[in-house]
Amino acid sequence: MNERANAVTLHGNPLTLLGDLVAAGDKAPDFTVVDNELKEKRLADYAGKVLIIASVPSLDTPVCELETKRFNKEAGSLSDDIVMLTVSMDLPFAQKRWCGAQGVERLVTLSDHREASFGLNWGVLIKELRLLARAVFVVDRKGRVTYVQLVKEVTQEPDYAAAIEAAKAAV
């Protein structure tokens, strides 16, 4: 498995990412994650939709909270053809509790805690922490990645506008 040393930082400290980072133009790799009802979800479950997929370390951190709330707000103004997913290593129970407490209901939270298949297949699994790096991907209706932003410093927010525009362009 490919290890990418110094791929991201956390408070300036370098971290290693496992797997190859997905690039724009790539066929979106499959993954197996768990939704808040403990049902397995795969990429194929969202076939025919444009996806904005945000990977975050944990919903229970300040930046992840800001990001997820912001994407939830943005999701309310997007076409029904666009599905917004947030993937973390948080347990499904914690995700469900967090979404309920924060009023997050326009995006789907998914847990990669069992297999880390999203993290490994998309190249965002942090070796040292077994958490996901902060990244945003857009996948078009045909399953091609059209946009990728790996946030270099994990404590910083992504470029929301660029991701939203990429998703709108993919519709």
C-alpha atoms as a PDB file:
ATOM      1  CA  MET A   1       0.000   0.000   0.000  1.00  0.00           C
ATOM      2  CA  ASN A   2       1.242   3.411  -0.936  1.00  0.00           C
ATOM      3  CA  GLU A   3       2.233   5.677   1.973  1.00  0.00           C
ATOM      4  CA  ARG A   4       2.491   9.399   1.326  1.00  0.00           C
ATOM      5  CA  ALA A   5       4.605  10.959   4.055  1.00  0.00           C
ATOM      6  CA  ASN A   6       4.036  14.649   4.822  1.00  0.00           C
ATOM      7  CA  ALA A   7       0.878  14.654   2.690  1.00  0.00           C
ATOM      8  CA  VAL A   8      -1.026  16.765   5.220  1.00  0.00           C
ATOM      9  CA  THR A   9      -0.316  18.444   8.522  1.00  0.00           C
ATOM     10  CA  LEU A  10      -2.151  18.777  11.811  1.00  0.00           C
ATOM     11  CA  HIS A  11      -1.202  21.972  13.642  1.00  0.00           C
ATOM     12  CA  GLY A  12       1.883  22.039  11.423  1.00  0.00           C
ATOM     13  CA  ASN A  13       2.947  18.476  12.278  1.00  0.00           C
ATOM     14  CA  PRO A  14       3.370  16.248   9.205  1.00  0.00           C
ATOM     15  CA  LEU A  15       1.134  13.207   8.753  1.00  0.00           C
ATOM     16  CA  THR A  16       1.202  10.226   6.397  1.00  0.00           C
ATOM     17  CA  LEU A  17      -1.736   9.346   4.169  1.00  0.00           C
ATOM     18  CA  LEU A  18      -2.363   5.770   3.053  1.00  0.00           C
ATOM     19  CA  GLY A  19      -3.455   4.881  -0.475  1.00  0.00           C
ATOM     20  CA  ASP A  20      -3.303   6.890  -3.666  1.00  0.00           C
ATOM     21  CA  LEU A  21      -5.185  10.174  -3.715  1.00  0.00           C
ATOM     22  CA  VAL A  22      -7.984  10.110  -6.247  1.00  0.00           C
ATOM     23  CA  ALA A  23      -7.501  12.663  -9.020  1.00  0.00           C
ATOM     24  CA  ALA A  24      -9.900  14.571 -11.258  1.00  0.00           C
ATOM     25  CA  GLY A  25     -10.628  12.391 -14.282  1.00  0.00           C
ATOM     26  CA  ASP A  26     -10.324   9.112 -12.335  1.00  0.00           C
ATOM     27  CA  LYS A  27     -13.156   6.615 -12.118  1.00  0.00           C
ATOM     28  CA  ALA A  28     -14.476   7.013  -8.573  1.00  0.00           C
ATOM     29  CA  PRO A  29     -13.293   4.057  -6.467  1.00  0.00           C
ATOM     30  CA  ASP A  30     -15.861   1.973  -4.658  1.00  0.00           C
ATOM     31  CA  PHE A  31     -16.143   1.944  -0.882  1.00  0.00           C
ATOM     32  CA  THR A  32     -18.141   0.213   1.830  1.00  0.00           C
ATOM     33  CA  VAL A  33     -19.285   2.440   4.677  1.00  0.00           C
ATOM     34  CA  VAL A  34     -22.144   2.368   7.184  1.00  0.00           C
ATOM     35  CA  ASP A  35     -25.027   4.835   7.400  1.00  0.00           C
ATOM     36  CA  ASN A  36     -26.665   6.064  10.599  1.00  0.00           C
ATOM     37  CA  GLU A  37     -29.053   3.089  10.557  1.00  0.00           C
ATOM     38  CA  LEU A  38     -26.103   0.615  10.396  1.00  0.00           C
ATOM     39  CA  LYS A  39     -26.824  -0.253   6.764  1.00  0.00           C
ATOM     40  CA  GLU A  40     -23.889  -0.723   4.410  1.00  0.00           C
ATOM     41  CA  LYS A  41     -23.599   1.848   1.656  1.00  0.00           C
ATOM     42  CA  ARG A  42     -21.462   1.701  -1.445  1.00  0.00           C
ATOM     43  CA  LEU A  43     -20.759   4.097  -4.279  1.00  0.00           C
ATOM     44  CA  ALA A  44     -23.319   2.247  -6.441  1.00  0.00           C
ATOM     45  CA  ASP A  45     -26.083   3.285  -4.017  1.00  0.00           C
ATOM     46  CA  TYR A  46     -25.701   6.806  -5.390  1.00  0.00           C
ATOM     47  CA  ALA A  47     -25.479   5.893  -9.096  1.00  0.00           C
ATOM     48  CA  GLY A  48     -26.840   8.517 -11.475  1.00  0.00           C
ATOM     49  CA  LYS A  49     -26.419  11.347  -8.969  1.00  0.00           C
ATOM     50  CA  VAL A  50     -23.748  14.009  -8.737  1.00  0.00           C
ATOM     51  CA  LEU A  51     -21.939  13.598  -5.428  1.00  0.00           C
ATOM     52  CA  ILE A  52     -20.124  16.025  -3.212  1.00  0.00           C
ATOM     53  CA  ILE A  53     -18.157  13.849  -0.815  1.00  0.00           C
ATOM     54  CA  ALA A  54     -16.481  15.527   2.129  1.00  0.00           C
ATOM     55  CA  SER A  55     -14.113  13.492   4.273  1.00  0.00           C
ATOM     56  CA  VAL A  56     -13.512  14.848   7.754  1.00  0.00           C
ATOM     57  CA  PRO A  57     -11.545  13.635  10.788  1.00  0.00           C
ATOM     58  CA  SER A  58     -14.446  13.803  13.284  1.00  0.00           C
ATOM     59  CA  LEU A  59     -17.764  15.615  13.474  1.00  0.00           C
ATOM     60  CA  ASP A  60     -16.988  16.358  17.124  1.00  0.00           C
ATOM     61  CA  THR A  61     -14.224  18.836  16.301  1.00  0.00           C
ATOM     62  CA  PRO A  62     -14.701  22.577  15.703  1.00  0.00           C
ATOM     63  CA  VAL A  63     -13.602  22.727  12.053  1.00  0.00           C
ATOM     64  CA  CYS A  64     -15.483  19.564  11.079  1.00  0.00           C
ATOM     65  CA  GLU A  65     -18.576  20.964  12.772  1.00  0.00           C
ATOM     66  CA  LEU A  66     -18.270  24.240  10.844  1.00  0.00           C
ATOM     67  CA  GLU A  67     -17.695  22.414   7.575  1.00  0.00           C
ATOM     68  CA  THR A  68     -20.549  19.959   7.967  1.00  0.00           C
ATOM     69  CA  LYS A  69     -23.010  22.663   9.017  1.00  0.00           C
ATOM     70  CA  ARG A  70     -21.934  24.818   6.069  1.00  0.00           C
ATOM     71  CA  PHE A  71     -22.330  21.983   3.556  1.00  0.00           C
ATOM     72  CA  ASN A  72     -25.701  21.118   5.135  1.00  0.00           C
ATOM     73  CA  LYS A  73     -26.824  24.714   4.592  1.00  0.00           C
ATOM     74  CA  GLU A  74     -25.522  24.699   0.992  1.00  0.00           C
ATOM     75  CA  ALA A  75     -27.306  21.391   0.302  1.00  0.00           C
ATOM     76  CA  GLY A  76     -30.639  23.120   0.832  1.00  0.00           C
ATOM     77  CA  SER A  77     -30.122  25.258  -2.261  1.00  0.00           C
ATOM     78  CA  LEU A  78     -28.812  22.539  -4.570  1.00  0.00           C
ATOM     79  CA  SER A  79     -30.609  20.509  -7.212  1.00  0.00           C
ATOM     80  CA  ASP A  80     -32.084  17.143  -6.184  1.00  0.00           C
ATOM     81  CA  ASP A  81     -29.582  15.653  -8.628  1.00  0.00           C
ATOM     82  CA  ILE A  82     -26.765  16.504  -6.198  1.00  0.00           C
ATOM     83  CA  VAL A  83     -26.246  14.374  -3.086  1.00  0.00           C
ATOM     84  CA  MET A  84     -23.923  15.557  -0.364  1.00  0.00           C
ATOM     85  CA  LEU A  85     -22.076  12.935   1.709  1.00  0.00           C
ATOM     86  CA  THR A  86     -19.853  13.482   4.725  1.00  0.00           C
ATOM     87  CA  VAL A  87     -17.615  10.544   5.615  1.00  0.00           C
ATOM     88  CA  SER A  88     -15.743  10.198   8.900  1.00  0.00           C
ATOM     89  CA  MET A  89     -14.455   7.516  11.226  1.00  0.00           C
ATOM     90  CA  ASP A  90     -17.050   8.476  13.834  1.00  0.00           C
ATOM     91  CA  LEU A  91     -19.349   5.642  14.865  1.00  0.00           C
ATOM     92  CA  PRO A  92     -22.786   5.739  13.191  1.00  0.00           C
ATOM     93  CA  PHE A  93     -24.430   6.263  16.597  1.00  0.00           C
ATOM     94  CA  ALA A  94     -22.291   9.327  17.237  1.00  0.00           C
ATOM     95  CA  GLN A  95     -22.992  10.683  13.748  1.00  0.00           C
ATOM     96  CA  LYS A  96     -26.736  10.268  14.207  1.00  0.00           C
ATOM     97  CA  ARG A  97     -26.648  11.915  17.647  1.00  0.00           C
ATOM     98  CA  TRP A  98     -24.484  14.778  16.353  1.00  0.00           C
ATOM     99  CA  CYS A  99     -26.707  15.421  13.317  1.00  0.00           C
ATOM    100  CA  GLY A 100     -29.809  15.453  15.518  1.00  0.00           C
ATOM    101  CA  ALA A 101     -28.250  17.851  18.015  1.00  0.00           C
ATOM    102  CA  GLN A 102     -26.969  20.167  15.263  1.00  0.00           C
ATOM    103  CA  GLY A 103     -30.047  20.062  13.009  1.00  0.00           C
ATOM    104  CA  VAL A 104     -28.063  18.561  10.132  1.00  0.00           C
ATOM    105  CA  GLU A 105     -30.588  16.823   7.891  1.00  0.00           C
ATOM    106  CA  ARG A 106     -29.834  17.825   4.300  1.00  0.00           C
ATOM    107  CA  LEU A 107     -26.680  15.768   3.884  1.00  0.00           C
ATOM    108  CA  VAL A 108     -25.855  12.135   4.551  1.00  0.00           C
ATOM    109  CA  THR A 109     -23.250  11.170   7.142  1.00  0.00           C
ATOM    110  CA  LEU A 110     -21.459   7.878   6.620  1.00  0.00           C
ATOM    111  CA  SER A 111     -19.049   6.004   8.875  1.00  0.00           C
ATOM    112  CA  ASP A 112     -15.836   4.440   7.559  1.00  0.00           C
ATOM    113  CA  HIS A 113     -14.968   3.003  10.989  1.00  0.00           C
ATOM    114  CA  ARG A 114     -15.234  -0.688  10.091  1.00  0.00           C
ATOM    115  CA  GLU A 115     -13.028  -1.176   7.053  1.00  0.00           C
ATOM    116  CA  ALA A 116     -11.561   2.252   6.333  1.00  0.00           C
ATOM    117  CA  SER A 117     -12.295   1.415   2.701  1.00  0.00           C
ATOM    118  CA  PHE A 118     -13.211   4.973   1.777  1.00  0.00           C
ATOM    119  CA  GLY A 119     -10.047   6.307   3.389  1.00  0.00           C
ATOM    120  CA  LEU A 120      -7.808   3.727   1.751  1.00  0.00           C
ATOM    121  CA  ASN A 121      -9.475   3.696  -1.687  1.00  0.00           C
ATOM    122  CA  TRP A 122      -9.636   7.485  -1.936  1.00  0.00           C
ATOM    123  CA  GLY A 123      -6.190   8.091  -0.394  1.00  0.00           C
ATOM    124  CA  VAL A 124      -7.239  10.059   2.674  1.00  0.00           C
ATOM    125  CA  LEU A 125      -6.628   7.683   5.611  1.00  0.00           C
ATOM    126  CA  ILE A 126      -4.212   9.229   8.120  1.00  0.00           C
ATOM    127  CA  LYS A 127      -1.816   6.467   9.145  1.00  0.00           C
ATOM    128  CA  GLU A 128      -0.850   7.920  12.514  1.00  0.00           C
ATOM    129  CA  LEU A 129      -4.413   8.639  13.695  1.00  0.00           C
ATOM    130  CA  ARG A 130      -6.665   6.230  11.745  1.00  0.00           C
ATOM    131  CA  LEU A 131      -8.827   9.237  10.930  1.00  0.00           C
ATOM    132  CA  LEU A 132      -9.699  10.692   7.543  1.00  0.00           C
ATOM    133  CA  ALA A 133      -7.940  13.742   6.202  1.00  0.00           C
ATOM    134  CA  ARG A 134     -10.048  16.743   5.275  1.00  0.00           C
ATOM    135  CA  ALA A 135     -10.853  16.546   1.570  1.00  0.00           C
ATOM    136  CA  VAL A 136     -13.692  17.273  -0.832  1.00  0.00           C
ATOM    137  CA  PHE A 137     -14.469  15.308  -3.979  1.00  0.00           C
ATOM    138  CA  VAL A 138     -17.091  15.799  -6.668  1.00  0.00           C
ATOM    139  CA  VAL A 139     -18.236  12.790  -8.691  1.00  0.00           C
ATOM    140  CA  ASP A 140     -20.354  13.198 -11.824  1.00  0.00           C
ATOM    141  CA  ARG A 141     -23.357  11.075 -12.850  1.00  0.00           C
ATOM    142  CA  LYS A 142     -21.097   8.689 -14.771  1.00  0.00           C
ATOM    143  CA  GLY A 143     -18.923   7.963 -11.749  1.00  0.00           C
ATOM    144  CA  ARG A 144     -15.967  10.142 -12.733  1.00  0.00           C
ATOM    145  CA  VAL A 145     -14.216  12.377 -10.251  1.00  0.00           C
ATOM    146  CA  THR A 146     -14.374  15.971 -11.511  1.00  0.00           C
ATOM    147  CA  TYR A 147     -12.992  17.863  -8.523  1.00  0.00           C
ATOM    148  CA  VAL A 148     -10.561  17.120  -5.703  1.00  0.00           C
ATOM    149  CA  GLN A 149      -9.368  19.292  -2.846  1.00  0.00           C
ATOM    150  CA  LEU A 150      -7.106  17.753  -0.234  1.00  0.00           C
ATOM    151  CA  VAL A 151      -6.842  20.361   2.508  1.00  0.00           C
ATOM    152  CA  LYS A 152      -3.136  20.494   3.352  1.00  0.00           C
ATOM    153  CA  GLU A 153      -3.607  21.641   6.963  1.00  0.00           C
ATOM    154  CA  VAL A 154      -6.293  19.480   8.571  1.00  0.00           C
ATOM    155  CA  THR A 155      -7.419  22.315  10.865  1.00  0.00           C
ATOM    156  CA  GLN A 156      -8.422  24.517   7.910  1.00  0.00           C
ATOM    157  CA  GLU A 157     -11.736  24.566   6.058  1.00  0.00           C
ATOM    158  CA  PRO A 158     -12.080  23.555   2.415  1.00  0.00           C
ATOM    159  CA  ASP A 159     -13.005  25.839  -0.483  1.00  0.00           C
ATOM    160  CA  TYR A 160     -16.800  25.494  -0.308  1.00  0.00           C
ATOM    161  CA  ALA A 161     -17.548  27.657  -3.342  1.00  0.00           C
ATOM    162  CA  ALA A 162     -15.218  25.706  -5.632  1.00  0.00           C
ATOM    163  CA  ALA A 163     -16.776  22.369  -4.618  1.00  0.00           C
ATOM    164  CA  ILE A 164     -20.337  23.670  -5.055  1.00  0.00           C
ATOM    165  CA  GLU A 165     -19.505  25.129  -8.467  1.00  0.00           C
ATOM    166  CA  ALA A 166     -17.880  21.853  -9.565  1.00  0.00           C
ATOM    167  CA  ALA A 167     -21.008  19.953  -8.536  1.00  0.00           C
ATOM    168  CA  LYS A 168     -23.305  22.367 -10.338  1.00  0.00           C
ATOM    169  CA  ALA A 169     -21.147  22.062 -13.472  1.00  0.00           C
ATOM    170  CA  ALA A 170     -21.422  18.257 -13.283  1.00  0.00           C
ATOM    171  CA  VAL A 171     -25.234  18.354 -13.338  1.00  0.00           C
END
